[in-house]
Amino acid sequence: MEFKDVSPELQKLAGEYQYRDPPDVLIKMQETITYILRSIADFLQNHLRLNIGMGDTSAVGNIMQVLIVFTGVICVLIVLILAWSRMRNLRDQARLARRGAENGDERLDAAGWRTKAEEFYARGLLKEACRALYLSVIYVLDERKILEFSANRTNYEYWYALSGKHVLQKGFRQLADMIEVMWFGNHQAQSQDYEFCLSLVGMLTDEARALSESAGKSEAGAQG
């Protein structure tokens, strides 16, 4: 079988070909990428004792293990950051409650905090007005002997202490969540927020009074 001689065509094609140097930018980019890949390979080999080579399938598994460990470390850091943020939030809540108990000019009872809330509202201090309503509920619960006020308690601890009292617990959680968003979030208090807090305070006050009166009747019946 005879093959056609294509050398003349190849020679002609080669004569017409004009080589042009690639742009310097591409050369520098290629060198940079090569340097980065070589540095990564050296780091893995020297510090993580990985033998990376072309066609070495075990290296792929080693790299995957490193990636898994790296991802785990990132997840742990995220959890720690979230936990730290939550702890700071709880400290802020406790500090918020202590301010209402420790300031000499703010040692008020439940009715006093309701009046304070109205004063703040009239002055346009909506965030402070809602906080005063929140403190009025705390003192209502204390005055009704449902739970004792403590300046070191957080909203979660108050909520947990109301276990078994579904209506109070649910309403208090709604009120506390609203206060947290105003004081520790980016929510700007509005008039409707104050009205919402006021309605919750009214409901919680009525429920606390009903529970207190019911407990008093039960004690009176037991003594009788």
C-alpha atoms as a PDB file:
ATOM      1  CA  MET A   1       0.000   0.000   0.000  1.00  0.00           C
ATOM      2  CA  GLU A   2       1.451   3.309  -1.061  1.00  0.00           C
ATOM      3  CA  PHE A   3       0.997   6.487   0.982  1.00  0.00           C
ATOM      4  CA  LYS A   4       0.820   9.904  -0.536  1.00  0.00           C
ATOM      5  CA  ASP A   5       3.820  12.104   0.103  1.00  0.00           C
ATOM      6  CA  VAL A   6       2.479  15.112   2.017  1.00  0.00           C
ATOM      7  CA  SER A   7       5.847  16.623   2.868  1.00  0.00           C
ATOM      8  CA  PRO A   8       5.510  19.369   0.226  1.00  0.00           C
ATOM      9  CA  GLU A   9       2.202  20.484   1.721  1.00  0.00           C
ATOM     10  CA  LEU A  10       3.658  20.439   5.229  1.00  0.00           C
ATOM     11  CA  GLN A  11       6.677  22.404   4.099  1.00  0.00           C
ATOM     12  CA  LYS A  12       4.454  24.974   2.435  1.00  0.00           C
ATOM     13  CA  LEU A  13       2.272  25.239   5.528  1.00  0.00           C
ATOM     14  CA  ALA A  14       5.316  25.649   7.738  1.00  0.00           C
ATOM     15  CA  GLY A  15       6.631  28.390   5.525  1.00  0.00           C
ATOM     16  CA  GLU A  16       3.394  30.326   5.828  1.00  0.00           C
ATOM     17  CA  TYR A  17       3.237  29.953   9.614  1.00  0.00           C
ATOM     18  CA  GLN A  18       4.266  33.044  11.529  1.00  0.00           C
ATOM     19  CA  TYR A  19       5.023  32.527  15.222  1.00  0.00           C
ATOM     20  CA  ARG A  20       4.108  35.338  17.561  1.00  0.00           C
ATOM     21  CA  ASP A  21       5.221  35.556  21.150  1.00  0.00           C
ATOM     22  CA  PRO A  22       2.374  35.365  23.661  1.00  0.00           C
ATOM     23  CA  PRO A  23       1.537  38.567  25.553  1.00  0.00           C
ATOM     24  CA  ASP A  24       3.649  39.255  28.613  1.00  0.00           C
ATOM     25  CA  VAL A  25       0.502  39.378  30.755  1.00  0.00           C
ATOM     26  CA  LEU A  26      -0.349  35.762  29.931  1.00  0.00           C
ATOM     27  CA  ILE A  27       3.202  34.632  30.618  1.00  0.00           C
ATOM     28  CA  LYS A  28       3.259  36.366  33.999  1.00  0.00           C
ATOM     29  CA  MET A  29      -0.175  34.964  34.845  1.00  0.00           C
ATOM     30  CA  GLN A  30       0.975  31.459  33.968  1.00  0.00           C
ATOM     31  CA  GLU A  31       4.105  31.857  36.061  1.00  0.00           C
ATOM     32  CA  THR A  32       2.081  33.180  39.000  1.00  0.00           C
ATOM     33  CA  ILE A  33      -0.384  30.302  38.855  1.00  0.00           C
ATOM     34  CA  THR A  34       2.457  27.823  38.615  1.00  0.00           C
ATOM     35  CA  TYR A  35       4.198  29.436  41.595  1.00  0.00           C
ATOM     36  CA  ILE A  36       1.009  29.332  43.687  1.00  0.00           C
ATOM     37  CA  LEU A  37       0.325  25.689  42.853  1.00  0.00           C
ATOM     38  CA  ARG A  38       3.930  24.778  43.619  1.00  0.00           C
ATOM     39  CA  SER A  39       3.761  26.648  46.948  1.00  0.00           C
ATOM     40  CA  ILE A  40       0.564  24.847  47.919  1.00  0.00           C
ATOM     41  CA  ALA A  41       2.085  21.502  46.998  1.00  0.00           C
ATOM     42  CA  ASP A  42       5.230  22.284  49.012  1.00  0.00           C
ATOM     43  CA  PHE A  43       3.149  23.358  52.004  1.00  0.00           C
ATOM     44  CA  LEU A  44       1.050  20.209  51.936  1.00  0.00           C
ATOM     45  CA  GLN A  45       4.098  18.045  51.533  1.00  0.00           C
ATOM     46  CA  ASN A  46       6.248  19.724  54.180  1.00  0.00           C
ATOM     47  CA  HIS A  47       3.668  20.549  56.840  1.00  0.00           C
ATOM     48  CA  LEU A  48       0.959  17.964  56.303  1.00  0.00           C
ATOM     49  CA  ARG A  49       3.243  15.174  55.116  1.00  0.00           C
ATOM     50  CA  LEU A  50       1.344  14.554  51.920  1.00  0.00           C
ATOM     51  CA  ASN A  51       3.015  12.992  48.909  1.00  0.00           C
ATOM     52  CA  ILE A  52       1.450  14.736  45.956  1.00  0.00           C
ATOM     53  CA  GLY A  53       2.297  13.469  42.528  1.00  0.00           C
ATOM     54  CA  MET A  54       0.759  13.136  39.148  1.00  0.00           C
ATOM     55  CA  GLY A  55      -1.340  10.025  38.950  1.00  0.00           C
ATOM     56  CA  ASP A  56      -1.112   9.355  42.706  1.00  0.00           C
ATOM     57  CA  THR A  57      -4.726   8.575  43.620  1.00  0.00           C
ATOM     58  CA  SER A  58      -3.966   8.401  47.341  1.00  0.00           C
ATOM     59  CA  ALA A  59      -3.035  12.092  47.249  1.00  0.00           C
ATOM     60  CA  VAL A  60      -6.608  12.920  46.271  1.00  0.00           C
ATOM     61  CA  GLY A  61      -7.877  11.177  49.375  1.00  0.00           C
ATOM     62  CA  ASN A  62      -5.340  12.996  51.527  1.00  0.00           C
ATOM     63  CA  ILE A  63      -6.353  16.335  50.083  1.00  0.00           C
ATOM     64  CA  MET A  64     -10.018  15.536  50.732  1.00  0.00           C
ATOM     65  CA  GLN A  65      -9.165  14.756  54.353  1.00  0.00           C
ATOM     66  CA  VAL A  66      -7.397  18.074  54.669  1.00  0.00           C
ATOM     67  CA  LEU A  67     -10.386  19.863  53.163  1.00  0.00           C
ATOM     68  CA  ILE A  68     -12.739  18.082  55.571  1.00  0.00           C
ATOM     69  CA  VAL A  69     -10.596  19.072  58.545  1.00  0.00           C
ATOM     70  CA  PHE A  70     -10.384  22.638  57.255  1.00  0.00           C
ATOM     71  CA  THR A  71     -14.169  22.780  56.828  1.00  0.00           C
ATOM     72  CA  GLY A  72     -14.623  21.404  60.338  1.00  0.00           C
ATOM     73  CA  VAL A  73     -12.361  24.086  61.770  1.00  0.00           C
ATOM     74  CA  ILE A  74     -14.344  26.780  59.951  1.00  0.00           C
ATOM     75  CA  CYS A  75     -17.614  25.357  61.306  1.00  0.00           C
ATOM     76  CA  VAL A  76     -16.236  25.300  64.855  1.00  0.00           C
ATOM     77  CA  LEU A  77     -15.132  28.925  64.501  1.00  0.00           C
ATOM     78  CA  ILE A  78     -18.594  29.895  63.266  1.00  0.00           C
ATOM     79  CA  VAL A  79     -20.228  28.121  66.226  1.00  0.00           C
ATOM     80  CA  LEU A  80     -17.853  29.853  68.652  1.00  0.00           C
ATOM     81  CA  ILE A  81     -18.585  33.239  67.092  1.00  0.00           C
ATOM     82  CA  LEU A  82     -22.339  32.644  67.321  1.00  0.00           C
ATOM     83  CA  ALA A  83     -22.024  31.450  70.925  1.00  0.00           C
ATOM     84  CA  TRP A  84     -19.946  34.497  71.830  1.00  0.00           C
ATOM     85  CA  SER A  85     -22.491  36.754  70.152  1.00  0.00           C
ATOM     86  CA  ARG A  86     -25.319  35.075  72.068  1.00  0.00           C
ATOM     87  CA  MET A  87     -23.475  35.389  75.379  1.00  0.00           C
ATOM     88  CA  ARG A  88     -22.867  39.072  74.714  1.00  0.00           C
ATOM     89  CA  ASN A  89     -26.567  39.467  73.925  1.00  0.00           C
ATOM     90  CA  LEU A  90     -27.479  37.799  77.217  1.00  0.00           C
ATOM     91  CA  ARG A  91     -25.103  40.086  79.112  1.00  0.00           C
ATOM     92  CA  ASP A  92     -26.691  43.080  77.415  1.00  0.00           C
ATOM     93  CA  GLN A  93     -30.126  41.837  78.446  1.00  0.00           C
ATOM     94  CA  ALA A  94     -29.034  41.466  82.055  1.00  0.00           C
ATOM     95  CA  ARG A  95     -27.452  44.916  81.972  1.00  0.00           C
ATOM     96  CA  LEU A  96     -30.681  46.310  80.494  1.00  0.00           C
ATOM     97  CA  ALA A  97     -32.697  44.847  83.355  1.00  0.00           C
ATOM     98  CA  ARG A  98     -30.184  45.996  85.991  1.00  0.00           C
ATOM     99  CA  ARG A  99     -30.388  49.573  84.795  1.00  0.00           C
ATOM    100  CA  GLY A 100     -34.063  49.556  85.667  1.00  0.00           C
ATOM    101  CA  ALA A 101     -33.377  48.207  89.153  1.00  0.00           C
ATOM    102  CA  GLU A 102     -30.178  49.981  90.110  1.00  0.00           C
ATOM    103  CA  ASN A 103     -30.743  53.549  88.967  1.00  0.00           C
ATOM    104  CA  GLY A 104     -31.814  55.578  91.966  1.00  0.00           C
ATOM    105  CA  ASP A 105     -34.402  57.592  90.059  1.00  0.00           C
ATOM    106  CA  GLU A 106     -35.999  54.510  88.479  1.00  0.00           C
ATOM    107  CA  ARG A 107     -36.909  52.351  91.482  1.00  0.00           C
ATOM    108  CA  LEU A 108     -40.506  51.993  90.419  1.00  0.00           C
ATOM    109  CA  ASP A 109     -43.246  49.422  90.775  1.00  0.00           C
ATOM    110  CA  ALA A 110     -45.339  48.028  87.920  1.00  0.00           C
ATOM    111  CA  ALA A 111     -47.705  51.005  87.904  1.00  0.00           C
ATOM    112  CA  GLY A 112     -44.757  53.388  88.021  1.00  0.00           C
ATOM    113  CA  TRP A 113     -43.197  51.796  84.951  1.00  0.00           C
ATOM    114  CA  ARG A 114     -46.518  52.059  83.096  1.00  0.00           C
ATOM    115  CA  THR A 115     -46.577  55.757  83.893  1.00  0.00           C
ATOM    116  CA  LYS A 116     -42.953  56.062  82.830  1.00  0.00           C
ATOM    117  CA  ALA A 117     -43.808  54.383  79.530  1.00  0.00           C
ATOM    118  CA  GLU A 118     -46.524  56.953  78.872  1.00  0.00           C
ATOM    119  CA  GLU A 119     -44.074  59.758  79.604  1.00  0.00           C
ATOM    120  CA  PHE A 120     -41.483  58.340  77.230  1.00  0.00           C
ATOM    121  CA  TYR A 121     -44.133  57.871  74.547  1.00  0.00           C
ATOM    122  CA  ALA A 122     -45.295  61.470  74.898  1.00  0.00           C
ATOM    123  CA  ARG A 123     -41.701  62.615  74.372  1.00  0.00           C
ATOM    124  CA  GLY A 124     -41.303  60.452  71.287  1.00  0.00           C
ATOM    125  CA  LEU A 125     -38.858  58.055  72.987  1.00  0.00           C
ATOM    126  CA  LEU A 126     -40.514  54.934  71.625  1.00  0.00           C
ATOM    127  CA  LYS A 127     -37.707  52.494  72.347  1.00  0.00           C
ATOM    128  CA  GLU A 128     -37.491  53.619  75.968  1.00  0.00           C
ATOM    129  CA  ALA A 129     -41.293  53.535  76.234  1.00  0.00           C
ATOM    130  CA  CYS A 130     -41.413  49.908  75.104  1.00  0.00           C
ATOM    131  CA  ARG A 131     -38.650  49.003  77.543  1.00  0.00           C
ATOM    132  CA  ALA A 132     -40.602  50.623  80.368  1.00  0.00           C
ATOM    133  CA  LEU A 133     -43.619  48.520  79.419  1.00  0.00           C
ATOM    134  CA  TYR A 134     -41.429  45.439  79.485  1.00  0.00           C
ATOM    135  CA  LEU A 135     -40.189  46.319  82.984  1.00  0.00           C
ATOM    136  CA  SER A 136     -43.758  46.894  84.133  1.00  0.00           C
ATOM    137  CA  VAL A 137     -44.565  43.300  83.188  1.00  0.00           C
ATOM    138  CA  ILE A 138     -41.531  42.028  85.091  1.00  0.00           C
ATOM    139  CA  TYR A 139     -42.696  43.856  88.193  1.00  0.00           C
ATOM    140  CA  VAL A 140     -46.298  42.714  87.734  1.00  0.00           C
ATOM    141  CA  LEU A 141     -45.101  39.106  87.760  1.00  0.00           C
ATOM    142  CA  ASP A 142     -43.071  39.827  90.883  1.00  0.00           C
ATOM    143  CA  GLU A 143     -45.888  41.644  92.676  1.00  0.00           C
ATOM    144  CA  ARG A 144     -48.309  38.840  91.827  1.00  0.00           C
ATOM    145  CA  LYS A 145     -45.883  36.282  93.309  1.00  0.00           C
ATOM    146  CA  ILE A 146     -45.660  34.459  89.990  1.00  0.00           C
ATOM    147  CA  LEU A 147     -41.892  34.833  89.698  1.00  0.00           C
ATOM    148  CA  GLU A 148     -39.352  36.873  91.603  1.00  0.00           C
ATOM    149  CA  PHE A 149     -37.617  39.781  89.947  1.00  0.00           C
ATOM    150  CA  SER A 150     -33.855  39.456  89.654  1.00  0.00           C
ATOM    151  CA  ALA A 151     -31.619  42.002  87.961  1.00  0.00           C
ATOM    152  CA  ASN A 152     -29.302  39.207  86.801  1.00  0.00           C
ATOM    153  CA  ARG A 153     -31.977  37.200  85.020  1.00  0.00           C
ATOM    154  CA  THR A 154     -32.099  37.146  81.237  1.00  0.00           C
ATOM    155  CA  ASN A 155     -35.199  37.071  79.082  1.00  0.00           C
ATOM    156  CA  TYR A 156     -34.650  33.360  78.465  1.00  0.00           C
ATOM    157  CA  GLU A 157     -34.496  32.669  82.197  1.00  0.00           C
ATOM    158  CA  TYR A 158     -37.721  34.596  82.768  1.00  0.00           C
ATOM    159  CA  TRP A 159     -39.348  32.731  79.891  1.00  0.00           C
ATOM    160  CA  TYR A 160     -38.179  29.371  81.248  1.00  0.00           C
ATOM    161  CA  ALA A 161     -39.428  30.253  84.731  1.00  0.00           C
ATOM    162  CA  LEU A 162     -42.915  30.708  83.251  1.00  0.00           C
ATOM    163  CA  SER A 163     -43.068  27.076  82.119  1.00  0.00           C
ATOM    164  CA  GLY A 164     -46.510  25.630  82.798  1.00  0.00           C
ATOM    165  CA  LYS A 165     -48.155  29.009  82.323  1.00  0.00           C
ATOM    166  CA  HIS A 166     -48.645  28.868  78.564  1.00  0.00           C
ATOM    167  CA  VAL A 167     -50.430  32.190  78.046  1.00  0.00           C
ATOM    168  CA  LEU A 168     -47.938  34.142  80.146  1.00  0.00           C
ATOM    169  CA  GLN A 169     -44.960  32.373  78.638  1.00  0.00           C
ATOM    170  CA  LYS A 170     -46.070  32.926  75.056  1.00  0.00           C
ATOM    171  CA  GLY A 171     -46.977  36.587  75.602  1.00  0.00           C
ATOM    172  CA  PHE A 172     -43.763  37.308  77.482  1.00  0.00           C
ATOM    173  CA  ARG A 173     -41.720  35.736  74.692  1.00  0.00           C
ATOM    174  CA  GLN A 174     -43.389  37.984  72.124  1.00  0.00           C
ATOM    175  CA  LEU A 175     -42.741  41.064  74.258  1.00  0.00           C
ATOM    176  CA  ALA A 176     -39.131  40.116  74.994  1.00  0.00           C
ATOM    177  CA  ASP A 177     -38.432  39.394  71.337  1.00  0.00           C
ATOM    178  CA  MET A 178     -39.747  42.824  70.383  1.00  0.00           C
ATOM    179  CA  ILE A 179     -37.567  44.528  73.006  1.00  0.00           C
ATOM    180  CA  GLU A 180     -34.485  42.585  71.901  1.00  0.00           C
ATOM    181  CA  VAL A 181     -34.981  43.616  68.281  1.00  0.00           C
ATOM    182  CA  MET A 182     -35.295  47.254  69.290  1.00  0.00           C
ATOM    183  CA  TRP A 183     -32.347  47.367  71.683  1.00  0.00           C
ATOM    184  CA  PHE A 184     -29.920  44.853  70.202  1.00  0.00           C
ATOM    185  CA  GLY A 185     -30.981  44.743  66.553  1.00  0.00           C
ATOM    186  CA  ASN A 186     -31.402  47.226  63.754  1.00  0.00           C
ATOM    187  CA  HIS A 187     -35.143  47.759  64.173  1.00  0.00           C
ATOM    188  CA  GLN A 188     -36.241  51.359  64.645  1.00  0.00           C
ATOM    189  CA  ALA A 189     -39.139  51.537  67.081  1.00  0.00           C
ATOM    190  CA  GLN A 190     -42.399  52.795  65.605  1.00  0.00           C
ATOM    191  CA  SER A 191     -45.728  53.851  67.095  1.00  0.00           C
ATOM    192  CA  GLN A 192     -47.308  50.561  66.091  1.00  0.00           C
ATOM    193  CA  ASP A 193     -44.566  48.735  67.983  1.00  0.00           C
ATOM    194  CA  TYR A 194     -45.493  50.629  71.134  1.00  0.00           C
ATOM    195  CA  GLU A 195     -49.167  49.817  70.592  1.00  0.00           C
ATOM    196  CA  PHE A 196     -48.276  46.150  70.106  1.00  0.00           C
ATOM    197  CA  CYS A 197     -46.231  46.115  73.322  1.00  0.00           C
ATOM    198  CA  LEU A 198     -49.029  47.926  75.157  1.00  0.00           C
ATOM    199  CA  SER A 199     -51.572  45.292  74.074  1.00  0.00           C
ATOM    200  CA  LEU A 200     -49.253  42.506  75.209  1.00  0.00           C
ATOM    201  CA  VAL A 201     -48.717  44.211  78.551  1.00  0.00           C
ATOM    202  CA  GLY A 202     -52.469  44.505  79.048  1.00  0.00           C
ATOM    203  CA  MET A 203     -52.993  40.837  78.253  1.00  0.00           C
ATOM    204  CA  LEU A 204     -50.097  39.719  80.459  1.00  0.00           C
ATOM    205  CA  THR A 205     -51.268  41.899  83.341  1.00  0.00           C
ATOM    206  CA  ASP A 206     -54.783  40.469  83.174  1.00  0.00           C
ATOM    207  CA  GLU A 207     -53.470  36.911  82.956  1.00  0.00           C
ATOM    208  CA  ALA A 208     -51.131  37.470  85.901  1.00  0.00           C
ATOM    209  CA  ARG A 209     -53.982  38.892  87.978  1.00  0.00           C
ATOM    210  CA  ALA A 210     -56.211  35.930  87.099  1.00  0.00           C
ATOM    211  CA  LEU A 211     -53.528  33.422  88.030  1.00  0.00           C
ATOM    212  CA  SER A 212     -52.781  35.235  91.280  1.00  0.00           C
ATOM    213  CA  GLU A 213     -56.441  35.388  92.278  1.00  0.00           C
ATOM    214  CA  SER A 214     -56.914  31.734  91.375  1.00  0.00           C
ATOM    215  CA  ALA A 215     -53.920  30.752  93.478  1.00  0.00           C
ATOM    216  CA  GLY A 216     -55.252  32.854  96.376  1.00  0.00           C
ATOM    217  CA  LYS A 217     -58.646  31.146  96.242  1.00  0.00           C
ATOM    218  CA  SER A 218     -56.979  27.735  96.145  1.00  0.00           C
ATOM    219  CA  GLU A 219     -54.926  28.580  99.224  1.00  0.00           C
ATOM    220  CA  ALA A 220     -58.002  29.914 101.026  1.00  0.00           C
ATOM    221  CA  GLY A 221     -59.935  26.744 100.178  1.00  0.00           C
ATOM    222  CA  ALA A 222     -57.108  24.550 101.401  1.00  0.00           C
ATOM    223  CA  GLN A 223     -56.921  26.445 104.697  1.00  0.00           C
ATOM    224  CA  GLY A 224     -60.701  26.323 105.100  1.00  0.00           C
END
